């Protein structure tokens, strides 16, 4: 066999071997393609929300009461302190809130306003008060006889029927779906006062007052995403409504004006509440 024939047969045999290897390679299953793992969704707090809340309070009314005397022409002639019938304002509360959050990275800022109805009330009693009724029934002789002193009981009851706040919220997300925040802003509410002084032999003189006060609120809270569009929070707030004075006239034994009672109160409130919020439009999830 010539050299050329042997070379040709070798080429044909090599071609069959290569073709067979290619066929077997085509029949083998393809190697699986590896995909990068998907990132877990990150909860985004951005958006509007509304909700309800409930809780309790332990506020305080610090009151200083003065007695003013009036002469026969009803001009103020002097004023003396009676004491401080201070007391706690305790009760339950419930209300609604609405707000907006904006999140960037781990920081969350927003605004919230709420309105609350409460059963908060307190009563301060000051016993053995020395009062100075008018010495005579006008018109008094000149010179007027000296005033007489007697003992009475002063009762100073106050309520906080409702209040509201408008606050900024600034917080961060230490863990996904958790928000820790501080909050502060404006507080407003109605404070009612029922005051009375009872004097032996002269009866009872009373005054009732109702006024809307402006003040400030500050606190902190924790909020967590529950699932779907729902979140839940626990929150503490301190409210300060400032100082104000109520004045009413007291009666002498003859039924005429004998003096005035002036109570200067400073009302604060400390509340704890829980709430649930519903995010309008559902939860926002960042990929």
Protein backbone atom coordinates (compact mmCIF):
# COMPACT_ATOMS: atom_id res chain seq x y z
CA UNK A 1 0.00 0.00 0.00
CA UNK A 2 1.44 3.30 -1.03
CA UNK A 3 2.23 6.06 1.34
CA UNK A 4 -0.52 8.29 -0.09
CA UNK A 5 -3.19 5.60 0.41
CA UNK A 6 -2.18 5.04 4.05
CA UNK A 7 -2.35 8.86 4.72
CA UNK A 8 -5.84 9.05 3.21
CA UNK A 9 -7.13 6.18 5.33
CA UNK A 10 -5.71 7.83 8.46
CA UNK A 11 -7.51 11.09 7.64
CA UNK A 12 -10.83 9.27 7.12
CA UNK A 13 -10.46 7.40 10.43
CA UNK A 14 -9.66 10.63 12.29
CA UNK A 15 -12.75 12.29 10.77
CA UNK A 16 -14.97 9.46 12.03
CA UNK A 17 -13.51 9.77 15.53
CA UNK A 18 -14.08 13.57 15.63
CA UNK A 19 -17.62 13.20 14.31
CA UNK A 20 -18.41 10.58 16.95
CA UNK A 21 -17.09 12.79 19.77
CA UNK A 22 -19.21 15.69 18.50
CA UNK A 23 -22.33 13.53 18.46
CA UNK A 24 -21.75 12.34 22.02
CA UNK A 25 -21.11 15.94 23.17
CA UNK A 26 -24.38 17.06 21.58
CA UNK A 27 -26.24 14.31 23.40
CA UNK A 28 -24.87 15.35 26.86
CA UNK A 29 -27.12 17.60 29.02
CA UNK A 30 -26.16 21.26 29.11
CA UNK A 31 -24.39 22.51 32.24
CA UNK A 32 -26.74 24.47 34.52
CA UNK A 33 -26.41 28.28 34.40
CA UNK A 34 -25.75 29.91 37.79
CA UNK A 35 -27.82 33.01 38.65
CA UNK A 36 -26.92 35.65 41.18
CA UNK A 37 -29.12 35.36 44.32
CA UNK A 38 -32.08 37.80 44.45
CA UNK A 39 -31.87 40.59 47.00
CA UNK A 40 -34.51 40.46 49.73
CA UNK A 41 -37.07 43.28 49.35
CA UNK A 42 -36.51 46.31 51.59
CA UNK A 43 -39.53 48.00 53.19
CA UNK A 44 -39.94 51.66 52.19
CA UNK A 45 -41.81 53.93 54.64
CA UNK A 46 -42.51 56.66 52.09
CA UNK A 47 -46.16 57.66 51.67
CA UNK A 48 -49.35 58.84 53.34
CA UNK A 49 -51.03 56.94 56.17
CA UNK A 50 -53.99 57.21 58.54
CA UNK A 51 -54.86 55.29 61.70
CA UNK A 52 -56.38 55.04 65.16
CA UNK A 53 -54.87 54.97 68.65
CA UNK A 54 -55.72 54.52 72.32
CA UNK A 55 -53.98 54.75 75.68
CA UNK A 56 -53.87 56.48 79.03
CA UNK A 57 -52.43 59.53 80.75
CA UNK A 58 -51.05 60.82 84.03
CA UNK A 59 -51.05 64.60 83.67
CA UNK A 60 -50.70 67.21 86.35
CA UNK A 61 -52.26 70.57 87.19
CA UNK A 62 -50.08 72.73 89.44
CA UNK A 63 -52.27 75.57 90.77
CA UNK A 64 -51.54 78.52 93.04
CA UNK A 65 -54.66 80.21 94.45
CA UNK A 66 -54.82 83.78 95.75
CA UNK A 67 -57.58 85.63 97.59
CA UNK A 68 -58.17 89.29 96.77
CA UNK A 69 -60.18 91.63 99.00
CA UNK A 70 -62.50 94.35 97.71
CA UNK A 71 -63.53 97.51 99.57
CA UNK A 72 -66.99 99.05 99.63
CA UNK A 73 -66.42 100.69 96.21
CA UNK A 74 -65.34 97.33 94.78
CA UNK A 75 -61.73 98.37 94.30
CA UNK A 76 -59.05 95.77 94.93
CA UNK A 77 -57.29 96.56 98.20
CA UNK A 78 -54.99 93.57 98.64
CA UNK A 79 -54.21 90.02 97.71
CA UNK A 80 -52.93 87.11 99.78
CA UNK A 81 -51.95 83.54 98.82
CA UNK A 82 -54.28 80.77 99.90
CA UNK A 83 -52.25 77.72 98.86
CA UNK A 84 -51.84 75.20 96.05
CA UNK A 85 -54.69 72.71 95.44
CA UNK A 86 -52.65 70.81 92.83
CA UNK A 87 -53.61 67.40 91.53
CA UNK A 88 -53.15 64.76 88.85
CA UNK A 89 -55.21 64.54 85.67
CA UNK A 90 -55.75 60.82 85.08
CA UNK A 91 -57.85 59.04 82.46
CA UNK A 92 -58.04 57.19 79.19
CA UNK A 93 -57.82 58.57 75.67
CA UNK A 94 -58.44 57.59 72.07
CA UNK A 95 -58.28 59.25 68.70
CA UNK A 96 -57.18 59.27 65.08
CA UNK A 97 -54.03 60.35 63.27
CA UNK A 98 -52.93 61.09 59.71
CA UNK A 99 -49.45 61.71 58.38
CA UNK A 100 -46.81 61.37 55.69
CA UNK A 101 -43.35 59.73 55.74
CA UNK A 102 -40.42 60.26 53.40
CA UNK A 103 -37.51 57.80 53.50
CA UNK A 104 -33.99 58.20 52.14
CA UNK A 105 -31.54 55.42 52.90
CA UNK A 106 -32.04 54.55 56.60
CA UNK A 107 -33.43 58.00 57.54
CA UNK A 108 -37.17 58.72 57.74
CA UNK A 109 -38.71 62.17 58.19
CA UNK A 110 -42.38 63.07 58.21
CA UNK A 111 -45.31 64.97 59.65
CA UNK A 112 -48.26 63.76 61.75
CA UNK A 113 -51.36 65.39 63.18
CA UNK A 114 -53.87 63.80 65.56
CA UNK A 115 -57.00 64.60 67.56
CA UNK A 116 -57.86 62.88 70.87
CA UNK A 117 -60.87 62.58 73.13
CA UNK A 118 -60.05 61.94 76.80
CA UNK A 119 -61.59 61.23 80.19
CA UNK A 120 -58.73 62.96 82.02
CA UNK A 121 -59.71 64.80 85.19
CA UNK A 122 -58.35 65.71 88.59
CA UNK A 123 -59.50 67.40 91.79
CA UNK A 124 -57.42 69.48 94.20
CA UNK A 125 -58.86 70.37 97.60
CA UNK A 126 -57.41 72.96 99.96
CA UNK A 127 -58.89 72.79 103.44
CA UNK A 128 -58.85 75.27 106.35
CA UNK A 129 -58.51 78.28 104.04
CA UNK A 130 -58.61 81.66 105.79
CA UNK A 131 -60.92 83.86 103.77
CA UNK A 132 -61.73 87.53 104.21
CA UNK A 133 -65.37 88.30 103.37
CA UNK A 134 -66.55 91.87 103.14
CA UNK A 135 -67.15 93.44 106.51
CA UNK A 136 -70.50 94.92 105.53
CA UNK A 137 -73.17 95.15 102.90
CA UNK A 138 -72.72 98.13 100.58
CA UNK A 139 -73.09 100.99 101.10
CA UNK A 140 -70.75 100.67 104.04
CA UNK A 141 -70.30 103.39 106.65
CA UNK A 142 -67.18 105.50 106.50
CA UNK A 143 -64.85 104.41 107.84
CA UNK A 144 -65.79 100.81 107.06
CA UNK A 145 -65.55 98.34 109.91
CA UNK A 146 -62.52 96.04 109.78
CA UNK A 147 -62.93 92.79 107.84
CA UNK A 148 -63.48 89.56 109.67
CA UNK A 149 -61.66 86.30 108.98
CA UNK A 150 -63.22 82.90 108.82
CA UNK A 151 -62.32 79.43 107.55
CA UNK A 152 -63.36 77.81 104.28
CA UNK A 153 -62.62 74.93 101.93
CA UNK A 154 -61.43 75.50 98.38
CA UNK A 155 -62.08 72.87 95.68
CA UNK A 156 -60.35 73.15 92.29
CA UNK A 157 -61.41 70.49 89.75
CA UNK A 158 -60.06 70.42 86.18
CA UNK A 159 -60.60 68.31 83.06
CA UNK A 160 -58.97 67.88 79.67
CA UNK A 161 -61.90 66.79 77.43
CA UNK A 162 -59.87 66.78 74.21
CA UNK A 163 -56.54 67.76 72.72
CA UNK A 164 -54.66 67.56 69.44
CA UNK A 165 -51.11 67.83 68.15
CA UNK A 166 -49.31 68.72 64.93
CA UNK A 167 -45.77 67.30 64.99
CA UNK A 168 -42.70 66.53 62.93
CA UNK A 169 -41.27 62.98 63.10
CA UNK A 170 -37.56 62.22 62.58
CA UNK A 171 -36.28 58.66 62.78
CA UNK A 172 -34.23 55.84 61.33
CA UNK A 173 -34.65 52.15 60.49
CA UNK A 174 -32.26 50.04 62.62
CA UNK A 175 -33.74 46.90 61.06
CA UNK A 176 -35.83 46.29 57.98
CA UNK A 177 -39.55 46.96 58.68
CA UNK A 178 -38.75 48.75 61.99
CA UNK A 179 -38.80 52.52 62.59
CA UNK A 180 -37.52 54.35 65.70
CA UNK A 181 -38.38 58.06 65.85
CA UNK A 182 -38.48 61.27 67.89
CA UNK A 183 -41.36 63.69 67.49
CA UNK A 184 -42.23 67.25 68.51
CA UNK A 185 -44.39 70.23 67.65
CA UNK A 186 -47.60 72.06 68.55
CA UNK A 187 -50.19 70.94 71.12
CA UNK A 188 -53.64 72.40 71.70
CA UNK A 189 -56.58 71.41 73.85
CA UNK A 190 -59.54 72.43 75.98
CA UNK A 191 -59.12 72.76 79.75
CA UNK A 192 -62.21 73.15 81.93
CA UNK A 193 -62.10 74.33 85.53
CA UNK A 194 -64.78 74.13 88.23
CA UNK A 195 -63.71 76.09 91.31
CA UNK A 196 -65.61 76.70 94.54
CA UNK A 197 -64.96 78.07 98.00
CA UNK A 198 -67.26 77.13 100.89
CA UNK A 199 -67.29 79.34 103.98
CA UNK A 200 -69.11 78.47 107.17
CA UNK A 201 -72.10 80.75 107.56
CA UNK A 202 -71.61 82.36 104.14
CA UNK A 203 -72.42 79.52 101.75
CA UNK A 204 -70.55 78.50 98.61
CA UNK A 205 -69.25 80.63 95.77
CA UNK A 206 -68.31 78.92 92.52
CA UNK A 207 -66.97 79.64 89.08
CA UNK A 208 -66.73 77.53 85.91
CA UNK A 209 -64.30 78.18 83.07
CA UNK A 210 -63.49 76.59 79.73
CA UNK A 211 -60.68 77.67 77.45
CA UNK A 212 -58.62 76.35 74.55
CA UNK A 213 -54.89 76.45 75.23
CA UNK A 214 -51.88 76.31 72.91
CA UNK A 215 -48.67 74.60 73.97
CA UNK A 216 -46.04 72.14 72.80
CA UNK A 217 -45.60 68.38 72.56
CA UNK A 218 -42.51 66.15 72.41
CA UNK A 219 -41.91 62.42 72.61
CA UNK A 220 -40.65 59.27 70.92
CA UNK A 221 -41.96 56.02 69.51
CA UNK A 222 -41.35 52.70 67.75
CA UNK A 223 -43.29 51.54 64.69
CA UNK A 224 -43.21 48.19 62.89
CA UNK A 225 -44.61 46.96 59.58
CA UNK A 226 -47.08 44.14 60.22
CA UNK A 227 -47.85 43.00 56.71
CA UNK A 228 -49.65 44.36 53.71
CA UNK A 229 -50.39 48.04 54.23
CA UNK A 230 -50.59 47.84 58.05
CA UNK A 231 -48.13 49.12 60.67
CA UNK A 232 -48.34 49.34 64.48
CA UNK A 233 -46.71 51.77 66.91
CA UNK A 234 -46.08 52.45 70.59
CA UNK A 235 -45.63 56.12 71.49
CA UNK A 236 -44.92 58.39 74.47
CA UNK A 237 -45.79 62.11 74.43
CA UNK A 238 -45.28 64.94 76.93
CA UNK A 239 -47.63 67.90 76.50
CA UNK A 240 -47.30 71.34 78.11
CA UNK A 241 -50.21 73.79 77.89
CA UNK A 242 -48.49 76.62 79.77
CA UNK A 243 -49.89 78.77 82.59
CA UNK A 244 -53.23 80.55 82.76
CA UNK A 245 -55.34 82.31 85.41
CA UNK A 246 -59.05 82.00 86.21
CA UNK A 247 -60.72 84.56 88.48
CA UNK A 248 -64.18 84.55 90.03
CA UNK A 249 -65.96 86.61 92.67
CA UNK A 250 -66.67 85.22 96.12
CA UNK A 251 -69.77 86.12 98.12
CA UNK A 252 -70.08 87.46 101.62
CA UNK A 253 -72.76 86.44 104.08
CA UNK A 254 -75.11 89.07 102.67
CA UNK A 255 -74.96 87.66 99.17
CA UNK A 256 -72.94 90.54 97.71
CA UNK A 257 -69.43 90.60 96.37
CA UNK A 258 -66.90 90.14 99.11
CA UNK A 259 -63.69 89.33 97.23
CA UNK A 260 -62.25 87.34 94.36
CA UNK A 261 -60.50 84.01 93.99
CA UNK A 262 -57.70 83.80 91.40
CA UNK A 263 -56.22 80.42 90.46
CA UNK A 264 -53.11 80.27 88.27
CA UNK A 265 -52.64 76.80 86.80
CA UNK A 266 -49.86 75.12 84.83
CA UNK A 267 -51.20 71.99 83.10
CA UNK A 268 -48.96 69.25 81.68
CA UNK A 269 -49.79 65.79 80.39
CA UNK A 270 -47.82 62.56 79.98
CA UNK A 271 -49.45 59.94 77.77
CA UNK A 272 -48.67 56.45 76.52
CA UNK A 273 -50.60 55.09 73.57
CA UNK A 274 -50.60 52.35 70.97
CA UNK A 275 -51.89 52.69 67.45
CA UNK A 276 -52.27 51.08 64.05
CA UNK A 277 -51.77 52.83 60.71
CA UNK A 278 -52.92 51.95 57.21
CA UNK A 279 -50.71 53.13 54.39
CA UNK A 280 -52.70 54.59 51.52
CA UNK A 281 -51.80 52.83 48.29
CA UNK A 282 -50.28 49.82 50.07
CA UNK A 283 -46.71 49.12 51.10
CA UNK A 284 -43.80 50.34 49.00
CA UNK A 285 -41.00 47.82 48.57
CA UNK A 286 -37.55 48.84 47.36
CA UNK A 287 -35.64 46.19 45.34
